[in-house]
Amino acid sequence: MIMGIFLAIFLRDAHIVNRFGGSLTALSLLLVLYQFKFENRRKHDENHFRDFAARVQIDRFYPPEIQQGIEDQLRDVADELEGIRYLILITSVFIGIVGELIHAWGDLTLYWLMPSLFGKAH
């Protein structure tokens, strides 16, 4: 975004900001693709942890406090993965919103802020 503003000022073409806003929106869509990949990996990891916990419980007898510790650790890992999931989601939505706002209003904002620089007023 900052690079788009500086390039627009340097080239004296406010529409360059719109293009960078559109690029930010495309970046947010790439993050959505990463979200799908992360979801698949998360499901795989959760299934792997559940299978491992079931095998441990069948193969060996552990005292209840150790079993509870293992279950707590598995729950912590699942919670951490859930937190990462929401971070990716919030980041992609935020970048998409900012990108679209810049795409829609970037050039008009620059004309309004610096009308003498671009020699235009919309």
N, C-alpha and C. Protein backbone atom coordinates (compact mmCIF):
# COMPACT_ATOMS: atom_id res chain seq x y z
N MET A 1 0.83 -1.19 0.00
CA MET A 1 0.00 0.00 0.00
C MET A 1 0.87 1.25 0.00
N ILE A 2 1.86 1.25 0.88
CA ILE A 2 2.75 2.41 0.97
C ILE A 2 3.55 2.55 -0.31
N MET A 3 4.00 1.41 -0.85
CA MET A 3 4.75 1.45 -2.10
C MET A 3 3.87 2.01 -3.22
N GLY A 4 2.58 1.64 -3.26
CA GLY A 4 1.66 2.16 -4.27
C GLY A 4 1.48 3.65 -4.15
N ILE A 5 1.39 4.17 -2.94
CA ILE A 5 1.23 5.61 -2.74
C ILE A 5 2.48 6.35 -3.20
N PHE A 6 3.66 5.85 -2.81
CA PHE A 6 4.90 6.51 -3.24
C PHE A 6 5.08 6.45 -4.74
N LEU A 7 4.74 5.31 -5.35
CA LEU A 7 4.87 5.20 -6.80
C LEU A 7 3.88 6.13 -7.50
N ALA A 8 2.67 6.24 -6.97
CA ALA A 8 1.68 7.15 -7.56
C ALA A 8 2.15 8.60 -7.48
N ILE A 9 2.74 8.98 -6.36
CA ILE A 9 3.26 10.34 -6.21
C ILE A 9 4.44 10.57 -7.15
N PHE A 10 5.34 9.58 -7.22
CA PHE A 10 6.52 9.71 -8.07
C PHE A 10 6.13 9.82 -9.54
N LEU A 11 5.19 9.00 -9.99
CA LEU A 11 4.78 9.01 -11.40
C LEU A 11 3.63 9.98 -11.68
N ARG A 12 3.12 10.61 -10.61
CA ARG A 12 2.01 11.56 -10.72
C ARG A 12 0.79 10.94 -11.41
N ASP A 13 0.50 9.70 -11.01
CA ASP A 13 -0.67 8.99 -11.53
C ASP A 13 -1.36 8.31 -10.35
N ALA A 14 -2.44 8.91 -9.89
CA ALA A 14 -3.13 8.42 -8.70
C ALA A 14 -3.80 7.07 -8.92
N HIS A 15 -4.03 6.68 -10.15
CA HIS A 15 -4.68 5.40 -10.43
C HIS A 15 -3.78 4.21 -10.10
N ILE A 16 -2.51 4.46 -9.94
CA ILE A 16 -1.60 3.38 -9.54
C ILE A 16 -1.99 2.85 -8.16
N VAL A 17 -2.50 3.71 -7.30
CA VAL A 17 -2.93 3.27 -5.97
C VAL A 17 -4.07 2.25 -6.11
N ASN A 18 -4.96 2.47 -7.05
CA ASN A 18 -6.06 1.53 -7.27
C ASN A 18 -5.52 0.15 -7.64
N ARG A 19 -4.51 0.14 -8.48
CA ARG A 19 -3.93 -1.14 -8.89
C ARG A 19 -3.30 -1.87 -7.71
N PHE A 20 -2.64 -1.14 -6.85
CA PHE A 20 -2.05 -1.76 -5.67
C PHE A 20 -3.15 -2.24 -4.71
N GLY A 21 -4.25 -1.54 -4.64
CA GLY A 21 -5.38 -2.00 -3.83
C GLY A 21 -5.94 -3.32 -4.36
N GLY A 22 -6.07 -3.40 -5.67
CA GLY A 22 -6.51 -4.66 -6.29
C GLY A 22 -5.53 -5.78 -6.03
N SER A 23 -4.25 -5.45 -6.01
CA SER A 23 -3.22 -6.46 -5.71
C SER A 23 -3.34 -6.94 -4.27
N LEU A 24 -3.66 -6.03 -3.35
CA LEU A 24 -3.86 -6.45 -1.96
C LEU A 24 -5.05 -7.41 -1.84
N THR A 25 -6.10 -7.14 -2.59
CA THR A 25 -7.25 -8.04 -2.56
C THR A 25 -6.85 -9.41 -3.10
N ALA A 26 -6.07 -9.44 -4.15
CA ALA A 26 -5.58 -10.72 -4.68
C ALA A 26 -4.73 -11.45 -3.63
N LEU A 27 -3.94 -10.70 -2.88
CA LEU A 27 -3.14 -11.30 -1.81
C LEU A 27 -4.03 -11.93 -0.75
N SER A 28 -5.13 -11.28 -0.43
CA SER A 28 -6.04 -11.86 0.57
C SER A 28 -6.65 -13.16 0.05
N LEU A 29 -6.90 -13.24 -1.25
CA LEU A 29 -7.42 -14.47 -1.81
C LEU A 29 -6.37 -15.58 -1.76
N LEU A 30 -5.11 -15.22 -1.91
CA LEU A 30 -4.05 -16.22 -1.75
C LEU A 30 -4.00 -16.74 -0.31
N LEU A 31 -4.27 -15.85 0.63
CA LEU A 31 -4.32 -16.29 2.03
C LEU A 31 -5.48 -17.25 2.26
N VAL A 32 -6.58 -17.06 1.54
CA VAL A 32 -7.69 -18.00 1.65
C VAL A 32 -7.27 -19.37 1.15
N LEU A 33 -6.50 -19.42 0.06
CA LEU A 33 -5.97 -20.71 -0.40
C LEU A 33 -5.08 -21.34 0.66
N TYR A 34 -4.26 -20.54 1.30
CA TYR A 34 -3.42 -21.05 2.38
C TYR A 34 -4.28 -21.57 3.52
N GLN A 35 -5.41 -20.92 3.77
CA GLN A 35 -6.33 -21.36 4.82
C GLN A 35 -6.84 -22.78 4.53
N PHE A 36 -7.19 -23.06 3.27
CA PHE A 36 -7.65 -24.40 2.92
C PHE A 36 -6.54 -25.43 3.17
N LYS A 37 -5.33 -25.09 2.78
CA LYS A 37 -4.20 -26.00 3.00
C LYS A 37 -4.00 -26.23 4.49
N PHE A 38 -4.08 -25.17 5.26
CA PHE A 38 -3.90 -25.28 6.71
C PHE A 38 -5.00 -26.15 7.33
N GLU A 39 -6.24 -26.00 6.85
CA GLU A 39 -7.35 -26.79 7.39
C GLU A 39 -7.11 -28.28 7.15
N ASN A 40 -6.65 -28.62 5.95
CA ASN A 40 -6.36 -30.03 5.67
C ASN A 40 -5.25 -30.55 6.57
N ARG A 41 -4.22 -29.76 6.75
CA ARG A 41 -3.12 -30.17 7.63
C ARG A 41 -3.59 -30.29 9.08
N ARG A 42 -4.43 -29.38 9.50
CA ARG A 42 -4.94 -29.40 10.87
C ARG A 42 -5.77 -30.66 11.12
N LYS A 43 -6.63 -31.02 10.18
CA LYS A 43 -7.43 -32.24 10.33
C LYS A 43 -6.53 -33.47 10.39
N HIS A 44 -5.52 -33.48 9.53
CA HIS A 44 -4.58 -34.60 9.54
C HIS A 44 -3.88 -34.71 10.89
N ASP A 45 -3.39 -33.59 11.41
CA ASP A 45 -2.69 -33.60 12.70
C ASP A 45 -3.60 -34.02 13.84
N GLU A 46 -4.83 -33.51 13.85
CA GLU A 46 -5.76 -33.88 14.90
C GLU A 46 -6.07 -35.38 14.87
N ASN A 47 -6.29 -35.91 13.66
CA ASN A 47 -6.54 -37.35 13.55
C ASN A 47 -5.33 -38.15 13.99
N HIS A 48 -4.15 -37.68 13.62
CA HIS A 48 -2.92 -38.36 14.03
C HIS A 48 -2.78 -38.35 15.56
N PHE A 49 -3.04 -37.22 16.19
CA PHE A 49 -2.94 -37.15 17.65
C PHE A 49 -3.97 -38.04 18.33
N ARG A 50 -5.19 -38.07 17.80
CA ARG A 50 -6.22 -38.93 18.38
C ARG A 50 -5.85 -40.40 18.26
N ASP A 51 -5.36 -40.80 17.08
CA ASP A 51 -4.94 -42.19 16.88
C ASP A 51 -3.80 -42.56 17.81
N PHE A 52 -2.84 -41.64 17.95
CA PHE A 52 -1.70 -41.88 18.84
C PHE A 52 -2.16 -42.04 20.28
N ALA A 53 -3.07 -41.17 20.71
CA ALA A 53 -3.57 -41.25 22.09
C ALA A 53 -4.31 -42.57 22.31
N ALA A 54 -5.09 -43.01 21.32
CA ALA A 54 -5.82 -44.28 21.46
C ALA A 54 -4.85 -45.46 21.53
N ARG A 55 -3.79 -45.43 20.69
CA ARG A 55 -2.80 -46.52 20.73
C ARG A 55 -2.06 -46.57 22.05
N VAL A 56 -1.69 -45.41 22.56
CA VAL A 56 -0.98 -45.35 23.84
C VAL A 56 -1.86 -45.90 24.95
N GLN A 57 -3.12 -45.56 24.92
CA GLN A 57 -4.03 -46.01 25.96
C GLN A 57 -4.21 -47.53 25.90
N ILE A 58 -4.23 -48.10 24.69
CA ILE A 58 -4.41 -49.55 24.55
C ILE A 58 -3.11 -50.29 24.84
N ASP A 59 -1.98 -49.80 24.33
CA ASP A 59 -0.70 -50.50 24.45
C ASP A 59 -0.14 -50.51 25.86
N ARG A 60 -0.30 -49.44 26.56
CA ARG A 60 0.31 -49.33 27.89
C ARG A 60 -0.69 -48.78 28.88
N PHE A 61 -0.52 -49.24 30.08
CA PHE A 61 -1.35 -48.68 31.14
C PHE A 61 -0.55 -47.59 31.83
N TYR A 62 -1.11 -46.41 31.86
CA TYR A 62 -0.50 -45.29 32.56
C TYR A 62 -1.39 -44.91 33.73
N PRO A 63 -0.78 -44.40 34.77
CA PRO A 63 -1.59 -43.90 35.87
C PRO A 63 -2.50 -42.78 35.37
N PRO A 64 -3.63 -42.56 36.03
CA PRO A 64 -4.59 -41.54 35.56
C PRO A 64 -4.00 -40.15 35.43
N GLU A 65 -3.07 -39.75 36.29
CA GLU A 65 -2.51 -38.39 36.18
C GLU A 65 -1.66 -38.24 34.93
N ILE A 66 -0.96 -39.29 34.53
CA ILE A 66 -0.16 -39.21 33.30
C ILE A 66 -1.09 -39.19 32.08
N GLN A 67 -2.13 -40.03 32.10
CA GLN A 67 -3.10 -39.99 31.00
C GLN A 67 -3.75 -38.62 30.88
N GLN A 68 -4.08 -38.03 32.01
CA GLN A 68 -4.69 -36.70 32.00
C GLN A 68 -3.71 -35.67 31.44
N GLY A 69 -2.42 -35.79 31.77
CA GLY A 69 -1.41 -34.89 31.22
C GLY A 69 -1.30 -35.01 29.71
N ILE A 70 -1.35 -36.24 29.21
CA ILE A 70 -1.29 -36.46 27.76
C ILE A 70 -2.52 -35.83 27.09
N GLU A 71 -3.70 -36.05 27.66
CA GLU A 71 -4.91 -35.47 27.09
C GLU A 71 -4.87 -33.95 27.13
N ASP A 72 -4.33 -33.39 28.20
CA ASP A 72 -4.21 -31.93 28.30
C ASP A 72 -3.28 -31.38 27.23
N GLN A 73 -2.17 -32.08 26.99
CA GLN A 73 -1.23 -31.62 25.96
C GLN A 73 -1.88 -31.68 24.57
N LEU A 74 -2.60 -32.77 24.31
CA LEU A 74 -3.29 -32.88 23.02
C LEU A 74 -4.33 -31.78 22.86
N ARG A 75 -5.03 -31.46 23.92
CA ARG A 75 -6.02 -30.39 23.88
C ARG A 75 -5.34 -29.04 23.64
N ASP A 76 -4.17 -28.83 24.25
CA ASP A 76 -3.43 -27.58 24.04
C ASP A 76 -3.00 -27.43 22.59
N VAL A 77 -2.55 -28.53 21.98
CA VAL A 77 -2.14 -28.48 20.58
C VAL A 77 -3.34 -28.15 19.70
N ALA A 78 -4.49 -28.78 19.97
CA ALA A 78 -5.70 -28.50 19.19
C ALA A 78 -6.12 -27.04 19.35
N ASP A 79 -6.03 -26.51 20.57
CA ASP A 79 -6.38 -25.10 20.80
C ASP A 79 -5.43 -24.16 20.06
N GLU A 80 -4.14 -24.51 20.04
CA GLU A 80 -3.17 -23.68 19.33
C GLU A 80 -3.46 -23.67 17.83
N LEU A 81 -3.79 -24.83 17.27
CA LEU A 81 -4.13 -24.89 15.85
C LEU A 81 -5.39 -24.09 15.55
N GLU A 82 -6.34 -24.12 16.46
CA GLU A 82 -7.57 -23.33 16.28
C GLU A 82 -7.26 -21.83 16.30
N GLY A 83 -6.35 -21.42 17.18
CA GLY A 83 -5.95 -20.02 17.22
C GLY A 83 -5.27 -19.57 15.94
N ILE A 84 -4.42 -20.43 15.38
CA ILE A 84 -3.76 -20.11 14.11
C ILE A 84 -4.79 -20.00 13.00
N ARG A 85 -5.79 -20.87 13.03
CA ARG A 85 -6.85 -20.84 12.03
C ARG A 85 -7.55 -19.49 12.03
N TYR A 86 -7.90 -19.00 13.19
CA TYR A 86 -8.59 -17.71 13.26
C TYR A 86 -7.67 -16.56 12.89
N LEU A 87 -6.40 -16.66 13.20
CA LEU A 87 -5.45 -15.61 12.81
C LEU A 87 -5.37 -15.49 11.29
N ILE A 88 -5.29 -16.63 10.61
CA ILE A 88 -5.24 -16.61 9.15
C ILE A 88 -6.54 -16.02 8.59
N LEU A 89 -7.66 -16.43 9.15
CA LEU A 89 -8.95 -15.94 8.68
C LEU A 89 -9.08 -14.43 8.86
N ILE A 90 -8.76 -13.93 10.03
CA ILE A 90 -8.88 -12.50 10.32
C ILE A 90 -7.91 -11.70 9.45
N THR A 91 -6.69 -12.22 9.26
CA THR A 91 -5.71 -11.53 8.43
C THR A 91 -6.18 -11.42 6.99
N SER A 92 -6.69 -12.52 6.44
CA SER A 92 -7.12 -12.47 5.04
C SER A 92 -8.33 -11.55 4.85
N VAL A 93 -9.25 -11.55 5.79
CA VAL A 93 -10.41 -10.65 5.69
C VAL A 93 -9.96 -9.20 5.80
N PHE A 94 -9.08 -8.89 6.73
CA PHE A 94 -8.60 -7.52 6.91
C PHE A 94 -7.87 -7.03 5.66
N ILE A 95 -6.98 -7.85 5.12
CA ILE A 95 -6.25 -7.45 3.92
C ILE A 95 -7.20 -7.25 2.75
N GLY A 96 -8.21 -8.12 2.63
CA GLY A 96 -9.19 -7.98 1.56
C GLY A 96 -9.98 -6.69 1.67
N ILE A 97 -10.41 -6.35 2.89
CA ILE A 97 -11.17 -5.11 3.09
C ILE A 97 -10.32 -3.89 2.78
N VAL A 98 -9.10 -3.86 3.30
CA VAL A 98 -8.21 -2.72 3.04
C VAL A 98 -7.91 -2.63 1.55
N GLY A 99 -7.65 -3.77 0.91
CA GLY A 99 -7.37 -3.77 -0.52
C GLY A 99 -8.52 -3.22 -1.34
N GLU A 100 -9.72 -3.62 -1.01
CA GLU A 100 -10.87 -3.14 -1.76
C GLU A 100 -11.16 -1.66 -1.50
N LEU A 101 -10.95 -1.21 -0.27
CA LEU A 101 -11.12 0.23 0.01
C LEU A 101 -10.11 1.06 -0.79
N ILE A 102 -8.88 0.59 -0.83
CA ILE A 102 -7.86 1.31 -1.61
C ILE A 102 -8.18 1.22 -3.10
N HIS A 103 -8.63 0.05 -3.54
CA HIS A 103 -8.97 -0.14 -4.94
C HIS A 103 -10.10 0.80 -5.35
N ALA A 104 -11.07 0.99 -4.47
CA ALA A 104 -12.22 1.83 -4.80
C ALA A 104 -11.96 3.32 -4.61
N TRP A 105 -11.24 3.69 -3.56
CA TRP A 105 -11.14 5.09 -3.18
C TRP A 105 -9.72 5.65 -3.18
N GLY A 106 -8.73 4.86 -3.54
CA GLY A 106 -7.34 5.31 -3.44
C GLY A 106 -7.02 6.54 -4.27
N ASP A 107 -7.41 6.52 -5.54
CA ASP A 107 -7.09 7.66 -6.40
C ASP A 107 -7.84 8.91 -5.95
N LEU A 108 -9.09 8.75 -5.58
CA LEU A 108 -9.87 9.92 -5.14
C LEU A 108 -9.31 10.50 -3.84
N THR A 109 -8.83 9.63 -2.98
CA THR A 109 -8.22 10.11 -1.73
C THR A 109 -6.96 10.90 -2.01
N LEU A 110 -6.13 10.41 -2.94
CA LEU A 110 -4.92 11.15 -3.28
C LEU A 110 -5.26 12.49 -3.95
N TYR A 111 -6.27 12.51 -4.81
CA TYR A 111 -6.68 13.78 -5.41
C TYR A 111 -7.14 14.76 -4.34
N TRP A 112 -7.86 14.24 -3.36
CA TRP A 112 -8.37 15.09 -2.28
C TRP A 112 -7.24 15.58 -1.37
N LEU A 113 -6.28 14.71 -1.05
CA LEU A 113 -5.19 15.08 -0.15
C LEU A 113 -4.16 15.98 -0.82
N MET A 114 -3.87 15.73 -2.10
CA MET A 114 -2.82 16.45 -2.81
C MET A 114 -3.29 16.89 -4.20
N PRO A 115 -4.26 17.78 -4.29
CA PRO A 115 -4.80 18.14 -5.61
C PRO A 115 -3.77 18.84 -6.50
N SER A 116 -2.89 19.61 -5.91
CA SER A 116 -1.92 20.32 -6.75
C SER A 116 -0.86 19.38 -7.33
N LEU A 117 -0.60 18.28 -6.66
CA LEU A 117 0.42 17.34 -7.13
C LEU A 117 -0.05 16.64 -8.40
N PHE A 118 -1.31 16.30 -8.46
CA PHE A 118 -1.82 15.55 -9.61
C PHE A 118 -2.49 16.44 -10.65
N GLY A 119 -2.76 17.68 -10.30
CA GLY A 119 -3.35 18.61 -11.23
C GLY A 119 -4.75 18.25 -11.65
N LYS A 120 -5.42 17.44 -10.84
CA LYS A 120 -6.78 17.03 -11.16
C LYS A 120 -7.62 17.15 -9.90
N ALA A 121 -8.88 17.23 -10.11
CA ALA A 121 -9.84 17.18 -9.00
C ALA A 121 -11.05 16.44 -9.48
N HIS A 122 -11.38 15.38 -8.79
CA HIS A 122 -12.55 14.58 -9.16
C HIS A 122 -13.66 14.83 -8.21
